Amino acid sequence: LAPFSKLRYDALRPEPICGYLLGAEREAAAVRLILAGK
C-alpha cells in the first residue's frame, strides 16, 4: 500500500484512484478484524 499512499495527493497520476480502492478494502478489513477481536 505504501507507494500509493505517497502519491495520494498527486492530481495528475492514476495511482490515487487505485489507492482509493485499496484504501476502501483496507478500511473494510480493519472493521472486520476489530469486530472479530471484540
PDB file of all heavy atoms in Angstrom:
ATOM      1  N   LEU A   1       0.811  -1.218   0.000  1.00  0.00           N
ATOM      2  CA  LEU A   1       0.000   0.000   0.000  1.00  0.00           C
ATOM      3  C   LEU A   1       0.845   1.269   0.000  1.00  0.00           C
ATOM      4  O   LEU A   1       0.431   2.304  -0.539  1.00  0.00           O
ATOM      5  CB  LEU A   1      -0.928   0.000   1.212  1.00  0.00           C
ATOM      6  CG  LEU A   1      -1.925   1.160   1.319  1.00  0.00           C
ATOM      7  CD1 LEU A   1      -2.909   1.135   0.148  1.00  0.00           C
ATOM      8  CD2 LEU A   1      -2.678   1.115   2.644  1.00  0.00           C
ATOM      9  N   ALA A   2       2.041   1.204   0.579  1.00  0.00           N
ATOM     10  CA  ALA A   2       2.854   2.402   0.819  1.00  0.00           C
ATOM     11  C   ALA A   2       3.084   3.280  -0.422  1.00  0.00           C
ATOM     12  O   ALA A   2       2.937   4.505  -0.336  1.00  0.00           O
ATOM     13  CB  ALA A   2       4.194   2.002   1.442  1.00  0.00           C
ATOM     14  N   PRO A   3       3.430   2.721  -1.597  1.00  0.00           N
ATOM     15  CA  PRO A   3       3.657   3.597  -2.763  1.00  0.00           C
ATOM     16  C   PRO A   3       2.431   4.402  -3.169  1.00  0.00           C
ATOM     17  O   PRO A   3       2.554   5.533  -3.656  1.00  0.00           O
ATOM     18  CB  PRO A   3       4.064   2.616  -3.866  1.00  0.00           C
ATOM     19  CG  PRO A   3       4.592   1.422  -3.137  1.00  0.00           C
ATOM     20  CD  PRO A   3       3.744   1.327  -1.908  1.00  0.00           C
ATOM     21  N   PHE A   4       1.256   3.842  -2.957  1.00  0.00           N
ATOM     22  CA  PHE A   4       0.023   4.552  -3.305  1.00  0.00           C
ATOM     23  C   PHE A   4      -0.269   5.658  -2.291  1.00  0.00           C
ATOM     24  O   PHE A   4      -0.763   6.725  -2.653  1.00  0.00           O
ATOM     25  CB  PHE A   4      -1.142   3.576  -3.400  1.00  0.00           C
ATOM     26  CG  PHE A   4      -1.006   2.611  -4.536  1.00  0.00           C
ATOM     27  CD1 PHE A   4      -0.386   1.387  -4.356  1.00  0.00           C
ATOM     28  CD2 PHE A   4      -1.474   2.936  -5.798  1.00  0.00           C
ATOM     29  CE1 PHE A   4      -0.236   0.496  -5.412  1.00  0.00           C
ATOM     30  CE2 PHE A   4      -1.334   2.051  -6.865  1.00  0.00           C
ATOM     31  CZ  PHE A   4      -0.700   0.829  -6.667  1.00  0.00           C
ATOM     32  N   SER A   5       0.047   5.403  -1.029  1.00  0.00           N
ATOM     33  CA  SER A   5      -0.147   6.426  -0.008  1.00  0.00           C
ATOM     34  C   SER A   5       0.727   7.645  -0.282  1.00  0.00           C
ATOM     35  O   SER A   5       0.308   8.791  -0.100  1.00  0.00           O
ATOM     36  CB  SER A   5       0.166   5.858   1.379  1.00  0.00           C
ATOM     37  OG  SER A   5      -0.787   4.881   1.753  1.00  0.00           O
ATOM     38  N   LYS A   6       1.941   7.408  -0.754  1.00  0.00           N
ATOM     39  CA  LYS A   6       2.857   8.510  -1.043  1.00  0.00           C
ATOM     40  C   LYS A   6       2.355   9.393  -2.187  1.00  0.00           C
ATOM     41  O   LYS A   6       2.667  10.579  -2.241  1.00  0.00           O
ATOM     42  CB  LYS A   6       4.239   7.953  -1.392  1.00  0.00           C
ATOM     43  CG  LYS A   6       4.954   7.295  -0.223  1.00  0.00           C
ATOM     44  CD  LYS A   6       6.295   6.719  -0.651  1.00  0.00           C
ATOM     45  CE  LYS A   6       6.990   6.037   0.514  1.00  0.00           C
ATOM     46  NZ  LYS A   6       8.282   5.417   0.104  1.00  0.00           N
ATOM     47  N   LEU A   7       1.576   8.809  -3.081  1.00  0.00           N
ATOM     48  CA  LEU A   7       1.097   9.555  -4.251  1.00  0.00           C
ATOM     49  C   LEU A   7      -0.359   9.998  -4.106  1.00  0.00           C
ATOM     50  O   LEU A   7      -0.984  10.411  -5.073  1.00  0.00           O
ATOM     51  CB  LEU A   7       1.237   8.693  -5.505  1.00  0.00           C
ATOM     52  CG  LEU A   7       2.677   8.322  -5.901  1.00  0.00           C
ATOM     53  CD1 LEU A   7       2.663   7.291  -7.026  1.00  0.00           C
ATOM     54  CD2 LEU A   7       3.447   9.560  -6.327  1.00  0.00           C
ATOM     55  N   ARG A   8      -0.862   9.935  -2.900  1.00  0.00           N
ATOM     56  CA  ARG A   8      -2.292  10.181  -2.664  1.00  0.00           C
ATOM     57  C   ARG A   8      -2.758  11.532  -3.191  1.00  0.00           C
ATOM     58  O   ARG A   8      -3.882  11.666  -3.683  1.00  0.00           O
ATOM     59  CB  ARG A   8      -2.585  10.076  -1.167  1.00  0.00           C
ATOM     60  CG  ARG A   8      -4.057  10.242  -0.823  1.00  0.00           C
ATOM     61  CD  ARG A   8      -4.296  10.043   0.658  1.00  0.00           C
ATOM     62  NE  ARG A   8      -5.707  10.061   0.977  1.00  0.00           N
ATOM     63  CZ  ARG A   8      -6.194   9.861   2.201  1.00  0.00           C
ATOM     64  NH1 ARG A   8      -5.370   9.627   3.197  1.00  0.00           N
ATOM     65  NH2 ARG A   8      -7.495   9.894   2.416  1.00  0.00           N
ATOM     66  N   TYR A   9      -1.912  12.555  -3.097  1.00  0.00           N
ATOM     67  CA  TYR A   9      -2.341  13.899  -3.462  1.00  0.00           C
ATOM     68  C   TYR A   9      -1.805  14.357  -4.816  1.00  0.00           C
ATOM     69  O   TYR A   9      -1.858  15.550  -5.125  1.00  0.00           O
ATOM     70  CB  TYR A   9      -1.920  14.886  -2.367  1.00  0.00           C
ATOM     71  CG  TYR A   9      -2.595  14.588  -1.047  1.00  0.00           C
ATOM     72  CD1 TYR A   9      -1.874  14.033   0.009  1.00  0.00           C
ATOM     73  CD2 TYR A   9      -3.958  14.828  -0.876  1.00  0.00           C
ATOM     74  CE1 TYR A   9      -2.496  13.738   1.212  1.00  0.00           C
ATOM     75  CE2 TYR A   9      -4.587  14.525   0.320  1.00  0.00           C
ATOM     76  CZ  TYR A   9      -3.850  13.980   1.361  1.00  0.00           C
ATOM     77  OH  TYR A   9      -4.481  13.673   2.538  1.00  0.00           O
ATOM     78  N   ASP A  10      -1.321  13.423  -5.614  1.00  0.00           N
ATOM     79  CA  ASP A  10      -0.852  13.768  -6.953  1.00  0.00           C
ATOM     80  C   ASP A  10      -2.045  13.741  -7.908  1.00  0.00           C
ATOM     81  O   ASP A  10      -2.545  12.680  -8.275  1.00  0.00           O
ATOM     82  CB  ASP A  10       0.220  12.779  -7.414  1.00  0.00           C
ATOM     83  CG  ASP A  10       0.972  13.271  -8.650  1.00  0.00           C
ATOM     84  OD1 ASP A  10       0.337  13.916  -9.501  1.00  0.00           O
ATOM     85  OD2 ASP A  10       2.179  13.014  -8.747  1.00  0.00           O
ATOM     86  N   ALA A  11      -2.494  14.923  -8.305  1.00  0.00           N
ATOM     87  CA  ALA A  11      -3.733  15.041  -9.083  1.00  0.00           C
ATOM     88  C   ALA A  11      -3.575  14.674 -10.542  1.00  0.00           C
ATOM     89  O   ALA A  11      -4.566  14.594 -11.272  1.00  0.00           O
ATOM     90  CB  ALA A  11      -4.274  16.464  -8.980  1.00  0.00           C
ATOM     91  N   LEU A  12      -2.351  14.429 -10.997  1.00  0.00           N
ATOM     92  CA  LEU A  12      -2.131  14.169 -12.419  1.00  0.00           C
ATOM     93  C   LEU A  12      -1.701  12.737 -12.698  1.00  0.00           C
ATOM     94  O   LEU A  12      -1.255  12.431 -13.804  1.00  0.00           O
ATOM     95  CB  LEU A  12      -1.078  15.151 -12.961  1.00  0.00           C
ATOM     96  CG  LEU A  12      -1.446  16.632 -12.836  1.00  0.00           C
ATOM     97  CD1 LEU A  12      -0.320  17.505 -13.371  1.00  0.00           C
ATOM     98  CD2 LEU A  12      -2.744  16.938 -13.571  1.00  0.00           C
ATOM     99  N   ARG A  13      -1.834  11.885 -11.719  1.00  0.00           N
ATOM    100  CA  ARG A  13      -1.453  10.480 -11.888  1.00  0.00           C
ATOM    101  C   ARG A  13      -2.628   9.580 -11.534  1.00  0.00           C
ATOM    102  O   ARG A  13      -3.489   9.961 -10.736  1.00  0.00           O
ATOM    103  CB  ARG A  13      -0.243  10.141 -11.011  1.00  0.00           C
ATOM    104  CG  ARG A  13       0.996  10.966 -11.319  1.00  0.00           C
ATOM    105  CD  ARG A  13       2.105  10.655 -10.330  1.00  0.00           C
ATOM    106  NE  ARG A  13       2.468   9.250 -10.363  1.00  0.00           N
ATOM    107  CZ  ARG A  13       3.724   8.823 -10.497  1.00  0.00           C
ATOM    108  NH1 ARG A  13       4.719   9.687 -10.629  1.00  0.00           N
ATOM    109  NH2 ARG A  13       4.004   7.527 -10.492  1.00  0.00           N
ATOM    110  N   PRO A  14      -2.668   8.357 -12.091  1.00  0.00           N
ATOM    111  CA  PRO A  14      -3.802   7.462 -11.820  1.00  0.00           C
ATOM    112  C   PRO A  14      -3.708   6.729 -10.490  1.00  0.00           C
ATOM    113  O   PRO A  14      -4.692   6.143 -10.046  1.00  0.00           O
ATOM    114  CB  PRO A  14      -3.739   6.478 -12.986  1.00  0.00           C
ATOM    115  CG  PRO A  14      -2.274   6.395 -13.308  1.00  0.00           C
ATOM    116  CD  PRO A  14      -1.752   7.799 -13.112  1.00  0.00           C
ATOM    117  N   GLU A  15      -2.540   6.753  -9.842  1.00  0.00           N
ATOM    118  CA  GLU A  15      -2.362   5.968  -8.624  1.00  0.00           C
ATOM    119  C   GLU A  15      -3.348   6.315  -7.508  1.00  0.00           C
ATOM    120  O   GLU A  15      -3.801   5.401  -6.788  1.00  0.00           O
ATOM    121  CB  GLU A  15      -0.918   6.100  -8.117  1.00  0.00           C
ATOM    122  CG  GLU A  15       0.112   5.395  -8.955  1.00  0.00           C
ATOM    123  CD  GLU A  15       0.594   6.234 -10.130  1.00  0.00           C
ATOM    124  OE1 GLU A  15       0.102   7.377 -10.280  1.00  0.00           O
ATOM    125  OE2 GLU A  15       1.448   5.761 -10.879  1.00  0.00           O
ATOM    126  N   PRO A  16      -3.725   7.604  -7.305  1.00  0.00           N
ATOM    127  CA  PRO A  16      -4.700   7.894  -6.250  1.00  0.00           C
ATOM    128  C   PRO A  16      -6.056   7.220  -6.462  1.00  0.00           C
ATOM    129  O   PRO A  16      -6.776   6.955  -5.498  1.00  0.00           O
ATOM    130  CB  PRO A  16      -4.831   9.429  -6.303  1.00  0.00           C
ATOM    131  CG  PRO A  16      -3.521   9.886  -6.834  1.00  0.00           C
ATOM    132  CD  PRO A  16      -3.153   8.844  -7.859  1.00  0.00           C
ATOM    133  N   ILE A  17      -6.400   6.953  -7.718  1.00  0.00           N
ATOM    134  CA  ILE A  17      -7.670   6.269  -7.991  1.00  0.00           C
ATOM    135  C   ILE A  17      -7.587   4.832  -7.490  1.00  0.00           C
ATOM    136  O   ILE A  17      -8.492   4.338  -6.801  1.00  0.00           O
ATOM    137  CB  ILE A  17      -7.979   6.298  -9.502  1.00  0.00           C
ATOM    138  CG1 ILE A  17      -7.932   7.725 -10.035  1.00  0.00           C
ATOM    139  CG2 ILE A  17      -9.356   5.686  -9.771  1.00  0.00           C
ATOM    140  CD1 ILE A  17      -7.927   7.817 -11.547  1.00  0.00           C
ATOM    141  N   CYS A  18      -6.483   4.169  -7.817  1.00  0.00           N
ATOM    142  CA  CYS A  18      -6.273   2.799  -7.329  1.00  0.00           C
ATOM    143  C   CYS A  18      -6.103   2.800  -5.814  1.00  0.00           C
ATOM    144  O   CYS A  18      -6.576   1.896  -5.118  1.00  0.00           O
ATOM    145  CB  CYS A  18      -5.043   2.187  -7.995  1.00  0.00           C
ATOM    146  SG  CYS A  18      -5.117   2.144  -9.793  1.00  0.00           S
ATOM    147  N   GLY A  19      -5.415   3.829  -5.305  1.00  0.00           N
ATOM    148  CA  GLY A  19      -5.211   3.929  -3.867  1.00  0.00           C
ATOM    149  C   GLY A  19      -6.520   4.054  -3.112  1.00  0.00           C
ATOM    150  O   GLY A  19      -6.675   3.513  -2.015  1.00  0.00           O
ATOM    151  N   TYR A  20      -7.476   4.771  -3.694  1.00  0.00           N
ATOM    152  CA  TYR A  20      -8.792   4.898  -3.063  1.00  0.00           C
ATOM    153  C   TYR A  20      -9.453   3.525  -2.913  1.00  0.00           C
ATOM    154  O   TYR A  20     -10.029   3.208  -1.864  1.00  0.00           O
ATOM    155  CB  TYR A  20      -9.679   5.816  -3.895  1.00  0.00           C
ATOM    156  CG  TYR A  20     -11.091   5.930  -3.383  1.00  0.00           C
ATOM    157  CD1 TYR A  20     -11.403   6.762  -2.316  1.00  0.00           C
ATOM    158  CD2 TYR A  20     -12.116   5.179  -3.961  1.00  0.00           C
ATOM    159  CE1 TYR A  20     -12.699   6.853  -1.838  1.00  0.00           C
ATOM    160  CE2 TYR A  20     -13.412   5.261  -3.484  1.00  0.00           C
ATOM    161  CZ  TYR A  20     -13.699   6.108  -2.424  1.00  0.00           C
ATOM    162  OH  TYR A  20     -14.992   6.181  -1.938  1.00  0.00           O
ATOM    163  N   LEU A  21      -9.329   2.702  -3.944  1.00  0.00           N
ATOM    164  CA  LEU A  21      -9.894   1.352  -3.883  1.00  0.00           C
ATOM    165  C   LEU A  21      -9.178   0.520  -2.828  1.00  0.00           C
ATOM    166  O   LEU A  21      -9.819  -0.150  -2.004  1.00  0.00           O
ATOM    167  CB  LEU A  21      -9.784   0.685  -5.254  1.00  0.00           C
ATOM    168  CG  LEU A  21     -10.159  -0.802  -5.318  1.00  0.00           C
ATOM    169  CD1 LEU A  21     -11.594  -1.005  -4.856  1.00  0.00           C
ATOM    170  CD2 LEU A  21      -9.964  -1.326  -6.728  1.00  0.00           C
ATOM    171  N   LEU A  22      -7.856   0.548  -2.849  1.00  0.00           N
ATOM    172  CA  LEU A  22      -7.092  -0.204  -1.856  1.00  0.00           C
ATOM    173  C   LEU A  22      -7.411   0.282  -0.448  1.00  0.00           C
ATOM    174  O   LEU A  22      -7.475  -0.507   0.501  1.00  0.00           O
ATOM    175  CB  LEU A  22      -5.598  -0.069  -2.134  1.00  0.00           C
ATOM    176  CG  LEU A  22      -5.099  -0.714  -3.431  1.00  0.00           C
ATOM    177  CD1 LEU A  22      -3.637  -0.356  -3.674  1.00  0.00           C
ATOM    178  CD2 LEU A  22      -5.277  -2.225  -3.400  1.00  0.00           C
ATOM    179  N   GLY A  23      -7.613   1.597  -0.314  1.00  0.00           N
ATOM    180  CA  GLY A  23      -7.954   2.154   0.987  1.00  0.00           C
ATOM    181  C   GLY A  23      -9.298   1.664   1.490  1.00  0.00           C
ATOM    182  O   GLY A  23      -9.462   1.356   2.677  1.00  0.00           O
ATOM    183  N   ALA A  24     -10.282   1.580   0.599  1.00  0.00           N
ATOM    184  CA  ALA A  24     -11.608   1.076   0.986  1.00  0.00           C
ATOM    185  C   ALA A  24     -11.521  -0.375   1.431  1.00  0.00           C
ATOM    186  O   ALA A  24     -12.156  -0.777   2.416  1.00  0.00           O
ATOM    187  CB  ALA A  24     -12.582   1.227  -0.184  1.00  0.00           C
ATOM    188  N   GLU A  25     -10.734  -1.167   0.715  1.00  0.00           N
ATOM    189  CA  GLU A  25     -10.544  -2.567   1.103  1.00  0.00           C
ATOM    190  C   GLU A  25      -9.869  -2.659   2.469  1.00  0.00           C
ATOM    191  O   GLU A  25     -10.220  -3.510   3.295  1.00  0.00           O
ATOM    192  CB  GLU A  25      -9.707  -3.289   0.045  1.00  0.00           C
ATOM    193  CG  GLU A  25     -10.409  -3.439  -1.291  1.00  0.00           C
ATOM    194  CD  GLU A  25      -9.521  -4.050  -2.356  1.00  0.00           C
ATOM    195  OE1 GLU A  25      -8.274  -3.938  -2.242  1.00  0.00           O
ATOM    196  OE2 GLU A  25     -10.060  -4.634  -3.312  1.00  0.00           O
ATOM    197  N   ARG A  26      -8.902  -1.771   2.702  1.00  0.00           N
ATOM    198  CA  ARG A  26      -8.188  -1.772   3.981  1.00  0.00           C
ATOM    199  C   ARG A  26      -9.116  -1.379   5.130  1.00  0.00           C
ATOM    200  O   ARG A  26      -9.047  -1.951   6.216  1.00  0.00           O
ATOM    201  CB  ARG A  26      -6.994  -0.819   3.876  1.00  0.00           C
ATOM    202  CG  ARG A  26      -6.008  -0.885   5.025  1.00  0.00           C
ATOM    203  CD  ARG A  26      -5.343  -2.247   5.161  1.00  0.00           C
ATOM    204  NE  ARG A  26      -4.664  -2.696   3.974  1.00  0.00           N
ATOM    205  CZ  ARG A  26      -3.373  -2.465   3.711  1.00  0.00           C
ATOM    206  NH1 ARG A  26      -2.655  -1.754   4.546  1.00  0.00           N
ATOM    207  NH2 ARG A  26      -2.817  -2.956   2.620  1.00  0.00           N
ATOM    208  N   GLU A  27      -9.996  -0.410   4.909  1.00  0.00           N
ATOM    209  CA  GLU A  27     -10.958   0.001   5.937  1.00  0.00           C
ATOM    210  C   GLU A  27     -11.902  -1.153   6.281  1.00  0.00           C
ATOM    211  O   GLU A  27     -12.166  -1.421   7.464  1.00  0.00           O
ATOM    212  CB  GLU A  27     -11.770   1.192   5.454  1.00  0.00           C
ATOM    213  CG  GLU A  27     -10.996   2.484   5.318  1.00  0.00           C
ATOM    214  CD  GLU A  27     -11.848   3.577   4.702  1.00  0.00           C
ATOM    215  OE1 GLU A  27     -12.923   3.866   5.259  1.00  0.00           O
ATOM    216  OE2 GLU A  27     -11.456   4.122   3.656  1.00  0.00           O
ATOM    217  N   ALA A  28     -12.410  -1.822   5.254  1.00  0.00           N
ATOM    218  CA  ALA A  28     -13.330  -2.940   5.488  1.00  0.00           C
ATOM    219  C   ALA A  28     -12.634  -4.052   6.268  1.00  0.00           C
ATOM    220  O   ALA A  28     -13.219  -4.648   7.184  1.00  0.00           O
ATOM    221  CB  ALA A  28     -13.856  -3.476   4.158  1.00  0.00           C
ATOM    222  N   ALA A  29     -11.381  -4.323   5.932  1.00  0.00           N
ATOM    223  CA  ALA A  29     -10.623  -5.361   6.637  1.00  0.00           C
ATOM    224  C   ALA A  29     -10.413  -4.963   8.093  1.00  0.00           C
ATOM    225  O   ALA A  29     -10.481  -5.816   8.999  1.00  0.00           O
ATOM    226  CB  ALA A  29      -9.284  -5.584   5.942  1.00  0.00           C
ATOM    227  N   ALA A  30     -10.164  -3.674   8.335  1.00  0.00           N
ATOM    228  CA  ALA A  30      -9.960  -3.209   9.709  1.00  0.00           C
ATOM    229  C   ALA A  30     -11.228  -3.374  10.539  1.00  0.00           C
ATOM    230  O   ALA A  30     -11.179  -3.837  11.693  1.00  0.00           O
ATOM    231  CB  ALA A  30      -9.522  -1.741   9.702  1.00  0.00           C
ATOM    232  N   VAL A  31     -12.371  -3.009   9.963  1.00  0.00           N
ATOM    233  CA  VAL A  31     -13.643  -3.153  10.676  1.00  0.00           C
ATOM    234  C   VAL A  31     -13.901  -4.619  11.000  1.00  0.00           C
ATOM    235  O   VAL A  31     -14.285  -4.970  12.132  1.00  0.00           O
ATOM    236  CB  VAL A  31     -14.799  -2.563   9.840  1.00  0.00           C
ATOM    237  CG1 VAL A  31     -16.155  -2.983  10.415  1.00  0.00           C
ATOM    238  CG2 VAL A  31     -14.690  -1.044   9.794  1.00  0.00           C
ATOM    239  N   ARG A  32     -13.685  -5.491  10.032  1.00  0.00           N
ATOM    240  CA  ARG A  32     -13.907  -6.923  10.265  1.00  0.00           C
ATOM    241  C   ARG A  32     -12.990  -7.458  11.356  1.00  0.00           C
ATOM    242  O   ARG A  32     -13.410  -8.235  12.224  1.00  0.00           O
ATOM    243  CB  ARG A  32     -13.683  -7.697   8.964  1.00  0.00           C
ATOM    244  CG  ARG A  32     -14.758  -7.471   7.904  1.00  0.00           C
ATOM    245  CD  ARG A  32     -14.456  -8.273   6.659  1.00  0.00           C
ATOM    246  NE  ARG A  32     -15.532  -8.231   5.698  1.00  0.00           N
ATOM    247  CZ  ARG A  32     -15.414  -7.739   4.460  1.00  0.00           C
ATOM    248  NH1 ARG A  32     -14.257  -7.229   4.060  1.00  0.00           N
ATOM    249  NH2 ARG A  32     -16.448  -7.739   3.636  1.00  0.00           N
ATOM    250  N   LEU A  33     -11.722  -7.058  11.319  1.00  0.00           N
ATOM    251  CA  LEU A  33     -10.761  -7.545  12.307  1.00  0.00           C
ATOM    252  C   LEU A  33     -11.106  -7.058  13.708  1.00  0.00           C
ATOM    253  O   LEU A  33     -11.079  -7.832  14.673  1.00  0.00           O
ATOM    254  CB  LEU A  33      -9.352  -7.095  11.917  1.00  0.00           C
ATOM    255  CG  LEU A  33      -8.219  -7.495  12.879  1.00  0.00           C
ATOM    256  CD1 LEU A  33      -8.135  -9.010  12.997  1.00  0.00           C
ATOM    257  CD2 LEU A  33      -6.894  -6.917  12.411  1.00  0.00           C
ATOM    258  N   ILE A  34     -11.441  -5.787  13.823  1.00  0.00           N
ATOM    259  CA  ILE A  34     -11.770  -5.236  15.144  1.00  0.00           C
ATOM    260  C   ILE A  34     -13.005  -5.921  15.719  1.00  0.00           C
ATOM    261  O   ILE A  34     -13.029  -6.315  16.896  1.00  0.00           O
ATOM    262  CB  ILE A  34     -11.981  -3.714  15.056  1.00  0.00           C
ATOM    263  CG1 ILE A  34     -10.645  -3.021  14.744  1.00  0.00           C
ATOM    264  CG2 ILE A  34     -12.554  -3.176  16.371  1.00  0.00           C
ATOM    265  CD1 ILE A  34     -10.785  -1.543  14.433  1.00  0.00           C
ATOM    266  N   LEU A  35     -14.043  -6.083  14.907  1.00  0.00           N
ATOM    267  CA  LEU A  35     -15.271  -6.713  15.406  1.00  0.00           C
ATOM    268  C   LEU A  35     -15.033  -8.170  15.771  1.00  0.00           C
ATOM    269  O   LEU A  35     -15.557  -8.660  16.777  1.00  0.00           O
ATOM    270  CB  LEU A  35     -16.378  -6.590  14.369  1.00  0.00           C
ATOM    271  CG  LEU A  35     -16.951  -5.184  14.184  1.00  0.00           C
ATOM    272  CD1 LEU A  35     -18.035  -5.192  13.129  1.00  0.00           C
ATOM    273  CD2 LEU A  35     -17.512  -4.648  15.495  1.00  0.00           C
ATOM    274  N   ALA A  36     -14.239  -8.872  14.958  1.00  0.00           N
ATOM    275  CA  ALA A  36     -13.920 -10.268  15.295  1.00  0.00           C
ATOM    276  C   ALA A  36     -13.154 -10.331  16.605  1.00  0.00           C
ATOM    277  O   ALA A  36     -13.391 -11.222  17.438  1.00  0.00           O
ATOM    278  CB  ALA A  36     -13.112 -10.899  14.172  1.00  0.00           C
ATOM    279  N   GLY A  37     -12.231  -9.393  16.783  1.00  0.00           N
ATOM    280  CA  GLY A  37     -11.476  -9.364  18.030  1.00  0.00           C
ATOM    281  C   GLY A  37     -12.365  -9.081  19.231  1.00  0.00           C
ATOM    282  O   GLY A  37     -12.230  -9.719  20.289  1.00  0.00           O
ATOM    283  N   LYS A  38     -13.277  -8.122  19.093  1.00  0.00           N
ATOM    284  CA  LYS A  38     -14.196  -7.804  20.184  1.00  0.00           C
ATOM    285  C   LYS A  38     -15.114  -8.985  20.505  1.00  0.00           C
ATOM    286  O   LYS A  38     -15.401  -9.277  21.661  1.00  0.00           O
ATOM    287  CB  LYS A  38     -15.036  -6.574  19.830  1.00  0.00           C
ATOM    288  CG  LYS A  38     -14.248  -5.281  19.704  1.00  0.00           C
ATOM    289  CD  LYS A  38     -13.602  -4.880  21.020  1.00  0.00           C
ATOM    290  CE  LYS A  38     -12.824  -3.595  20.886  1.00  0.00           C
ATOM    291  NZ  LYS A  38     -12.130  -3.217  22.151  1.00  0.00           N
TER     292      LYS A  38
END
